[in-house]
Every structure is written in C-alpha cells, then in structure tokens.
Protein backbone atom coordinates (compact mmCIF):
# COMPACT_ATOMS: atom_id res chain seq x y z
CA MET A 1 0.00 0.00 0.00
CA GLU A 2 1.40 3.38 -1.01
CA SER A 3 2.07 5.69 1.96
CA THR A 4 0.46 9.12 2.14
CA ARG A 5 2.50 12.11 0.99
CA TYR A 6 1.88 15.60 2.35
CA LEU A 7 2.14 19.22 1.28
CA LEU A 8 2.70 21.54 4.24
CA VAL A 9 1.90 25.19 3.55
CA LYS A 10 3.67 27.73 5.75
CA GLY A 11 2.25 31.22 6.18
CA PHE A 12 3.81 34.64 6.02
CA SER A 13 2.92 38.16 4.81
CA GLY A 14 -0.62 39.55 4.49
CA ILE A 15 -3.97 37.79 4.15
CA GLY A 16 -4.22 38.32 0.38
CA ASN A 17 -0.79 36.78 -0.25
CA ARG A 18 -1.68 33.84 2.00
CA LEU A 19 -4.93 33.14 0.19
CA GLN A 20 -3.24 33.32 -3.22
CA ALA A 21 -0.53 30.94 -1.99
CA LEU A 22 -3.17 28.65 -0.52
CA ALA A 23 -5.04 28.42 -3.83
CA GLU A 24 -1.80 27.53 -5.60
CA ALA A 25 -1.07 24.94 -2.89
CA ILE A 26 -4.49 23.32 -3.40
CA ILE A 27 -3.63 22.95 -7.08
CA TYR A 28 -0.16 21.55 -6.40
CA ALA A 29 -1.48 19.09 -3.81
CA ARG A 30 -4.16 17.85 -6.19
CA LEU A 31 -1.81 17.46 -9.14
CA SER A 32 0.92 15.75 -7.11
CA GLY A 33 -1.38 13.50 -5.10
CA ARG A 34 -0.46 14.98 -1.72
CA ARG A 35 -2.61 15.64 1.33
CA LEU A 36 -2.78 19.35 2.14
CA LEU A 37 -1.66 20.58 5.58
CA ILE A 38 -1.65 24.25 6.63
CA ASP A 39 0.37 25.94 9.37
CA TRP A 40 0.16 29.74 9.70
CA ASN A 41 2.13 30.02 12.95
CA ASP A 42 4.38 32.96 12.02
CA SER A 43 4.70 36.04 14.19
CA LEU A 44 2.89 38.40 11.81
CA TYR A 45 -0.53 37.20 13.00
CA SER A 46 0.18 34.61 15.69
CA SER A 47 1.12 35.88 19.14
CA ASP A 48 1.35 32.41 20.68
CA GLY A 49 3.28 30.56 17.96
CA LYS A 50 0.26 28.40 17.12
CA ASP A 51 -1.47 28.05 13.77
CA ILE A 52 -4.09 30.71 13.04
CA PHE A 53 -5.48 29.30 9.77
CA HIS A 54 -7.77 26.83 11.53
CA ARG A 55 -8.87 29.63 13.88
CA LEU A 56 -10.01 31.71 10.89
CA CYS A 57 -11.06 29.39 8.12
CA GLU A 58 -12.82 26.20 7.19
CA LEU A 59 -11.17 24.09 4.51
CA PRO A 60 -12.39 20.49 4.81
CA VAL A 61 -9.55 18.98 2.80
CA ALA A 62 -6.83 20.65 4.91
CA GLY A 63 -5.16 19.00 7.88
CA LYS A 64 -2.92 20.39 10.61
CA ILE A 65 0.79 20.12 11.27
CA THR A 66 0.02 17.64 14.06
CA ASP A 67 -0.98 15.18 11.30
CA VAL A 68 2.62 14.97 10.07
CA PRO A 69 4.14 11.52 10.69
CA PRO A 70 7.32 11.51 12.82
CA ASP A 71 10.70 10.95 11.15
CA ALA A 72 9.27 11.43 7.65
CA SER A 73 11.55 12.68 4.88
CA VAL A 74 11.22 16.40 4.14
CA ALA A 75 11.88 18.69 1.18
CA PRO A 76 13.58 21.12 1.43
CA ALA A 77 15.84 19.26 3.88
CA ILE A 78 16.44 22.47 5.85
CA TRP A 79 13.05 21.83 7.52
CA SER A 80 13.97 18.34 8.79
CA GLY A 81 13.25 18.23 12.51
CA ARG A 82 11.94 21.81 12.42
CA LEU A 83 8.55 21.56 10.76
CA ASP A 84 6.89 23.29 13.70
CA ARG A 85 9.11 26.38 13.33
CA PRO A 86 7.47 29.54 11.93
CA PHE A 87 8.63 30.66 8.51
CA ASP A 88 9.98 33.97 9.81
CA ALA A 89 11.88 32.21 12.61
CA MET A 90 13.64 30.09 9.97
CA ILE A 91 14.57 33.25 8.07
CA GLU A 92 16.10 34.66 11.25
CA ARG A 93 17.85 31.42 12.20
CA HIS A 94 19.56 31.01 8.84
CA ARG A 95 20.15 34.73 8.25
CA LEU A 96 18.25 34.76 4.96
CA SER A 97 16.98 37.75 3.08
CA PHE A 98 13.22 37.85 2.70
CA GLY A 99 12.13 37.19 -0.86
CA THR A 100 13.90 35.09 -3.47
CA GLN A 101 16.57 33.68 -1.15
CA ALA A 102 14.11 32.64 1.56
CA ARG A 103 11.74 31.18 -1.01
CA SER A 104 14.42 29.18 -2.79
CA LEU A 105 15.83 27.67 0.44
CA LEU A 106 12.68 27.26 2.53
CA SER A 107 10.12 26.25 -0.12
CA ILE A 108 9.86 23.59 -2.77
CA ASP A 109 9.71 24.67 -6.39
CA PRO A 110 6.03 24.35 -7.40
CA ASP A 111 7.15 23.40 -10.91
CA MET A 112 8.67 20.13 -9.63
CA ASP A 113 7.51 17.01 -7.82
CA TYR A 114 9.51 15.51 -4.95
CA ALA A 115 10.06 11.98 -3.66
CA GLU A 116 10.09 13.07 -0.01
CA THR A 117 7.05 12.31 2.15
CA ILE A 118 6.58 15.94 3.21
CA ALA A 119 7.00 18.90 0.88
CA VAL A 120 7.03 22.38 2.45
CA MET A 121 5.63 25.19 0.32
CA TYR A 122 5.69 28.92 0.71
CA ASP A 123 4.92 30.81 -2.46
CA TRP A 124 2.75 33.39 -4.14
CA THR A 125 4.80 33.93 -7.26
CA PHE A 126 1.85 33.48 -9.60
CA ARG A 127 3.15 30.42 -11.43
CA LEU A 128 -0.28 28.96 -12.05
CA PRO A 129 0.19 28.72 -15.83
CA LEU A 130 3.27 26.56 -15.20
CA LEU A 131 1.44 24.48 -12.61
CA LEU A 132 -1.45 23.89 -14.98
CA GLY A 133 0.96 23.02 -17.78
CA ARG A 134 2.49 20.09 -15.88
CA PRO A 135 2.07 16.61 -17.34
CA ALA A 136 0.02 15.41 -14.33
CA PRO A 137 -3.64 14.72 -15.20
CA CYS A 138 -5.86 17.77 -14.77
CA PRO A 139 -9.14 17.16 -12.90
CA ASP A 140 -12.17 17.28 -15.17
CA GLU A 141 -13.70 20.22 -13.30
CA TRP A 142 -10.60 22.32 -14.04
CA ARG A 143 -10.44 21.67 -17.75
CA GLY A 144 -10.82 24.76 -19.91
CA LEU A 145 -10.25 27.19 -17.02
CA ASN A 146 -7.48 29.76 -17.20
CA ALA A 147 -5.41 30.68 -14.12
CA THR A 148 -7.71 33.50 -13.00
CA GLU A 149 -10.86 31.40 -13.42
CA LEU A 150 -9.33 28.54 -11.46
CA LEU A 151 -8.22 30.81 -8.60
CA ARG A 152 -11.73 32.24 -8.47
CA LYS A 153 -13.27 28.76 -8.38
CA LEU A 154 -10.97 27.49 -5.62
CA LEU A 155 -11.29 30.53 -3.35
CA ARG A 156 -15.07 30.59 -3.74
CA GLU A 157 -15.65 26.86 -3.30
CA CYS A 158 -12.84 25.61 -1.04
CA VAL A 159 -12.02 28.35 1.48
CA ARG A 160 -14.56 29.97 3.75
CA PRO A 161 -14.55 31.86 7.07
CA ASN A 162 -15.38 29.76 10.10
CA ALA A 163 -18.84 30.01 11.64
CA ARG A 164 -17.94 32.69 14.19
CA ILE A 165 -16.34 35.02 11.64
CA ALA A 166 -19.13 34.34 9.13
CA ARG A 167 -21.62 35.57 11.75
CA ARG A 168 -19.62 38.78 12.24
CA ILE A 169 -19.71 39.37 8.47
CA GLU A 170 -23.46 38.78 8.21
CA GLU A 171 -24.19 41.02 11.20
CA PHE A 172 -22.17 43.87 9.70
CA VAL A 173 -23.87 43.53 6.30
CA ARG A 174 -27.33 43.62 7.86
CA ALA A 175 -26.51 46.58 10.10
CA HIS A 176 -24.51 48.81 7.74
CA PHE A 177 -24.83 47.96 4.05
CA GLY A 178 -27.24 50.03 1.99
CA THR A 179 -28.85 49.54 -1.40
CA PRO A 180 -26.61 49.74 -3.26
CA THR A 181 -23.22 49.54 -1.51
CA ILE A 182 -19.99 50.46 -3.28
CA GLY A 183 -16.95 48.63 -1.92
CA VAL A 184 -13.67 50.54 -2.04
CA HIS A 185 -10.28 49.06 -1.19
CA VAL A 186 -7.29 51.36 -0.66
CA ARG A 187 -3.93 49.84 0.24
CA GLN A 188 -1.61 52.67 1.16
CA THR A 189 1.23 51.49 3.38
CA ASP A 190 4.53 49.76 2.54
CA ASN A 191 3.48 49.41 -1.11
CA MET A 192 4.02 53.19 -1.36
CA SER A 193 7.74 53.02 -0.53
CA ALA A 194 10.21 54.13 -3.18
CA ALA A 195 11.06 50.50 -3.93
CA TRP A 196 7.46 49.48 -4.62
CA ILE A 197 5.39 52.47 -5.66
CA ALA A 198 5.97 52.05 -9.40
CA ARG A 199 4.96 48.38 -9.34
CA LYS A 200 2.52 48.09 -6.44
CA GLY A 201 1.48 51.59 -5.45
CA VAL A 202 -2.27 52.25 -5.36
CA SER A 203 -3.62 55.64 -6.40
CA VAL A 204 -6.19 57.24 -4.12
CA SER A 205 -6.84 59.93 -6.72
CA ALA A 206 -7.67 57.26 -9.32
CA ILE A 207 -10.05 55.57 -6.89
CA ASP A 208 -11.65 58.96 -6.15
CA THR A 209 -12.25 59.50 -9.87
CA VAL A 210 -14.02 56.16 -10.37
CA LEU A 211 -15.94 56.51 -7.10
CA GLY A 212 -17.20 59.93 -8.16
CA GLU A 213 -18.50 58.46 -11.41
CA GLN A 214 -20.31 55.66 -9.56
CA LEU A 215 -21.84 58.02 -7.02
CA HIS A 216 -23.15 60.10 -9.92
CA SER A 217 -24.81 56.97 -11.35
CA GLU A 218 -25.94 55.68 -7.95
CA PRO A 219 -26.86 58.73 -5.83
CA GLY A 220 -27.41 57.84 -2.20
CA ALA A 221 -25.21 54.76 -2.36
CA THR A 222 -23.39 53.57 0.77
CA ILE A 223 -19.60 53.40 0.57
CA PHE A 224 -17.89 50.52 2.36
CA LEU A 225 -14.22 51.42 2.76
CA ALA A 226 -11.53 48.85 3.54
CA THR A 227 -8.09 50.38 4.01
CA ASP A 228 -4.88 49.72 5.94
CA ASN A 229 -4.12 53.42 6.43
CA ARG A 230 -5.97 55.47 9.05
CA ALA A 231 -5.14 58.74 7.25
CA VAL A 232 -7.00 57.44 4.19
CA GLU A 233 -9.92 56.46 6.42
CA LYS A 234 -10.12 59.95 7.94
CA SER A 235 -9.96 61.52 4.49
CA PHE A 236 -12.85 59.44 3.15
CA LEU A 237 -14.99 60.13 6.21
CA ARG A 238 -14.37 63.86 5.76
CA ARG A 239 -15.01 63.99 2.01
CA TYR A 240 -17.87 61.53 1.44
CA ASP A 241 -21.30 60.92 2.94
CA ARG A 242 -22.56 57.50 4.02
CA VAL A 243 -19.14 55.89 4.51
CA VAL A 244 -19.12 52.74 6.65
CA ILE A 245 -15.96 51.09 7.96
CA HIS A 246 -15.43 47.87 9.85
CA PRO A 247 -13.42 49.01 12.91
CA LYS A 248 -9.83 47.83 13.26
CA TRP A 249 -6.60 48.69 15.06
CA TYR A 250 -4.12 51.01 13.28
CA PRO A 251 -0.49 51.84 14.08
CA ARG A 252 0.08 55.34 15.41
CA ALA A 253 1.91 56.53 12.27
CA ALA A 254 -0.28 56.48 9.17
CA GLY A 255 1.17 54.26 6.50
CA GLU A 256 2.82 51.64 8.71
CA ALA A 257 1.76 48.10 7.83
CA ILE A 258 -0.77 46.63 10.27
CA HIS A 259 0.17 42.96 10.05
CA GLY A 260 3.16 42.07 12.17
CA HIS A 261 3.36 45.51 13.78
CA TYR A 262 5.21 45.35 17.08
CA ALA A 263 2.61 47.48 18.88
CA CYS A 264 -0.46 45.53 17.74
CA PRO A 265 -2.33 44.50 20.92
CA ASP A 266 -4.01 41.42 19.39
CA LYS A 267 -2.48 39.95 16.23
CA LEU A 268 -5.12 37.26 15.80
CA ARG A 269 -7.84 39.92 15.96
CA ALA A 270 -5.93 41.90 13.31
CA ALA A 271 -6.01 38.82 11.07
CA GLU A 272 -9.73 38.41 11.69
CA ASP A 273 -10.39 42.06 10.87
CA ALA A 274 -8.46 41.77 7.59
CA PHE A 275 -10.34 38.59 6.72
CA ILE A 276 -13.68 40.28 7.44
CA ASP A 277 -12.75 43.33 5.35
CA LEU A 278 -11.92 41.08 2.40
CA TYR A 279 -15.23 39.21 2.58
CA LEU A 280 -17.22 42.41 3.12
CA LEU A 281 -15.69 43.84 -0.07
CA SER A 282 -16.85 40.73 -1.90
CA ARG A 283 -20.43 41.30 -0.66
CA CYS A 284 -20.74 44.83 -2.05
CA ASP A 285 -22.83 45.59 -5.15
CA PHE A 286 -19.89 47.38 -6.80
CA LEU A 287 -16.17 47.06 -6.18
CA ILE A 288 -13.46 49.68 -6.82
CA TYR A 289 -9.95 48.36 -6.28
CA SER A 290 -6.45 47.94 -7.67
CA SER A 291 -5.37 44.48 -8.78
CA ARG A 292 -1.81 45.49 -7.87
CA THR A 293 -2.61 44.11 -4.40
CA THR A 294 -3.31 40.44 -3.76
CA PHE A 295 -5.82 41.40 -1.04
CA ALA A 296 -7.98 43.24 -3.55
CA ARG A 297 -7.55 40.54 -6.19
CA CYS A 298 -8.76 37.89 -3.74
CA ALA A 299 -11.78 40.03 -2.84
CA ALA A 300 -12.58 40.28 -6.56
CA TYR A 301 -12.12 36.52 -7.02
CA ILE A 302 -14.65 35.59 -4.33
CA SER A 303 -17.12 38.37 -5.15
CA ASP A 304 -20.56 37.93 -6.66
CA GLN A 305 -20.34 41.15 -8.65
CA PRO A 306 -20.49 40.75 -12.45
CA SER A 307 -17.40 42.00 -14.24
CA ASN A 308 -19.10 45.25 -15.27
CA ARG A 309 -19.50 46.15 -11.58
CA ARG A 310 -15.83 45.65 -10.71
CA PHE A 311 -13.56 48.62 -11.47
CA ASP A 312 -9.81 47.99 -11.44
CA VAL A 313 -7.64 51.13 -11.28
CA ALA A 314 -4.31 49.27 -11.51
CA GLU A 315 -3.37 51.02 -14.75
CA MET A 316 -3.80 54.45 -13.16
CA PRO A 317 -0.52 55.11 -11.28
CA PRO A 318 -0.31 57.07 -8.01
CA ALA A 319 0.27 60.79 -8.23
CA ALA A 320 3.76 61.99 -7.38
CA ASN A 321 2.68 63.57 -4.10
CA GLU A 322 0.63 60.68 -2.73
CA THR A 323 3.39 59.20 -0.59
CA ALA A 324 3.93 62.51 1.19
CA ARG A 325 0.20 63.02 1.50
CA TRP A 326 -0.81 59.66 2.95
CA ILE A 327 2.31 58.15 4.53
CA ALA A 328 3.52 59.59 7.84
CA ARG A 329 6.93 58.75 9.27
CA PRO A 330 6.87 57.29 12.79
CA ARG A 331 8.43 59.54 15.38
CA TRP A 332 11.88 58.30 16.31
CA TRP A 333 11.07 58.15 20.02
CA ASP A 334 8.05 55.92 19.31
CA ASP A 335 10.22 53.53 17.31
CA LEU A 336 13.18 53.56 19.72
CA PRO A 337 11.98 50.74 22.05
CA ARG A 338 11.56 48.38 19.10
CA ARG A 339 15.00 49.22 17.71
CA VAL A 340 16.64 48.61 21.10
CA ALA A 341 14.76 45.33 21.59
CA ARG A 342 15.65 44.04 18.11
CA GLY A 343 19.30 44.98 18.58
CA ALA A 344 19.46 43.12 21.89
CA LEU A 345 17.76 40.08 20.35
CA ARG A 346 20.26 39.99 17.49
CA ARG A 347 23.15 40.09 19.95
CA VAL A 348 21.68 37.18 21.94
CA ARG A 349 21.09 35.12 18.79
CA ARG A 350 24.46 35.85 17.17
CA PRO A 351 26.42 32.98 18.83
CA PHE A 352 23.69 30.51 17.81
CA SER A 353 23.23 31.78 14.27
CA ALA A 354 26.98 31.53 13.71
CA ARG A 355 26.67 27.75 13.77
CA PRO A 356 26.63 25.90 10.41
CA ARG A 357 23.24 26.23 8.75
CA GLY A 358 22.62 22.53 8.61
CA ASN A 359 22.60 22.24 12.42
C-alpha cells in the first residue's frame, strides 16, 4: 500500500498573499497526489506561535501540522526536525533575506515534484500557468479554465470563514450595508515606498475618480471602505457621505503596515479584521480596487459582482505627491523601544546563528 504524501503550507505576509498561496497549494497538492496541511504560525498574525489558519477558516480537505508523521523525509531538507518552526523564525535562524533567497531555500519549487514524504511550500509567485501546464492529469472540473478562473473557483468553493467570523460578516452587512453599496479598497502602506510604488502603489486619486462616477450613477449609495491606512480612512470620512468602515486597530503613524506591527495588541484579531474586510468587499454591489494588491484581487475573485461592476484602477498610477500626502513617518522616540529590543535580540542570537546552517 502506497504511503500518504503531504504538502505543508507555511504562512507569512498579508492575508491576500496567503490566500493566493493557498489556492496555488491546493492545485499543487491535487496534481501531485499529496494531502494538504496548513500551518500559519508565524509572528505576523500569531502571538502564541500556534497556527491561526484553523482559527479563521474552514477548509475540509486541509489538515494540521500535528498530522505529520514523525521521522518522515522532508523537502527542502532544511526543515527536517523543524517543521513546527514559523517561517519567519527560519529566516532569522539562517540569516536569509526575505524574498527570493528565503523562497528558494525554505520552499519547494512548485514546478517540480519531490520523492520526499513531506514537501514544504511557501509561495505566491503566480506560477499557475506553469502548474497547470504540468504533465500530471488535470481534474475534469478544471479543464478549460485559465489561471484566474481557477483561482476564483478554488477561493469561492474551497475556502470559507469559520462560523464565528461568518456571523460577524453577516451582522455587519445587515446593520450597515445600503442599497446599493460600493466597496472601495485602498492599500496605502509599505506598497508606497520608493522600492514598490511604481509596481505596487495604489492611487487614491484614481479611486476617487471612479468613485465619483459611480456616485453620480448611484446617488445615495453607501460606501464601504476597507483600508490599511488610518489617514486614508479619515480623508474618506471627511469627504464623502454614508461611509461605513469595519473598525480595526491602526499603528500610530499612518502608512505603517498593520500585520506584524510590534505594537499591535491582538495579532489574531488583526487577522480576523483583515479577513472580514476582504469578505465584506466581496459582498458589495460594486467594487473599486487595484489588482496590484493580492488582497484586492482575492476580494474580486470571491465576489458575486459581475465583471461590469468591478472597477480595477491598476493602470492608473499614483500621483507623485501621494506618498507625502498619505504616509507619515513614525516619530523616532516611538520607534526607539523596538530598535533597542531588536538589537538586543540579534546580539543574543548571534552565537547561535553563527553555527553551520545545517545544524
């Protein structure tokens, strides 16, 4: 009898990136004949080092890391004996740079199959066309679907909020959504840095233009705003009528990323709030967003809006002054405790991290 093989998905980064990676993992697991396991135990959303996926979502086909058999072979081998470690802890331990280096050493290549019993995956590099082009048999229900259509199908049919979070979503819709409701997503934090603005920056002025056109066509509409920047939230509340917002915690300085922030009082609640925002966007009658962000793309994938009610402003770049307008620098004295703590932690870890990476 052939033994079971597993695909273990590690989590990191924001909710949109995680959902995109999860959809790709579902495809890889199905094509390679592996059982899917999910472990989002990284420090960005987990304060206790335990998986948060199964505290947020229902995915019947997904197991937990506790289902992993002991002493099983692992690819990449760097995870052997350390499968319970968070992804970001492994980056720290092996002194890796986040991005290509971490992905290449801590994740399998989704374009390959592996003989090992457990394959560890961390990816959102949008290689679905390559995955779907593999020689493995494609399930009948996937035939004829392009990458976008398949992502939409998987996120709509396979992943859903758990019962408690689903109730919070329904209660908010009943209490605050009007007829119609225009969903607006504005990501305006680290994507607006000099390194990312040209590729991932989202233009508030472009969103304002499209929103103005929709309000002209739908006078009296309710605006549901989902944003990660409290300065953007204040601006919308000041400039538009009938704006509703699902409350969330924000960092003190506008423009700092919420997930993983050192001052966040409840990281799991922050993950829940992001999850709820995403699903509320999908419940709106219209959606204005930028597909430059995976969060907004995932909201569009799971939405019920027809394509003519979804307005993507990705081709409209941010204005030159938008970073200065929306992104505030944290005051140095607010950031000093974190800098001191991180420096002390690095000094404590230095003797251990100097050991050979295989140990």
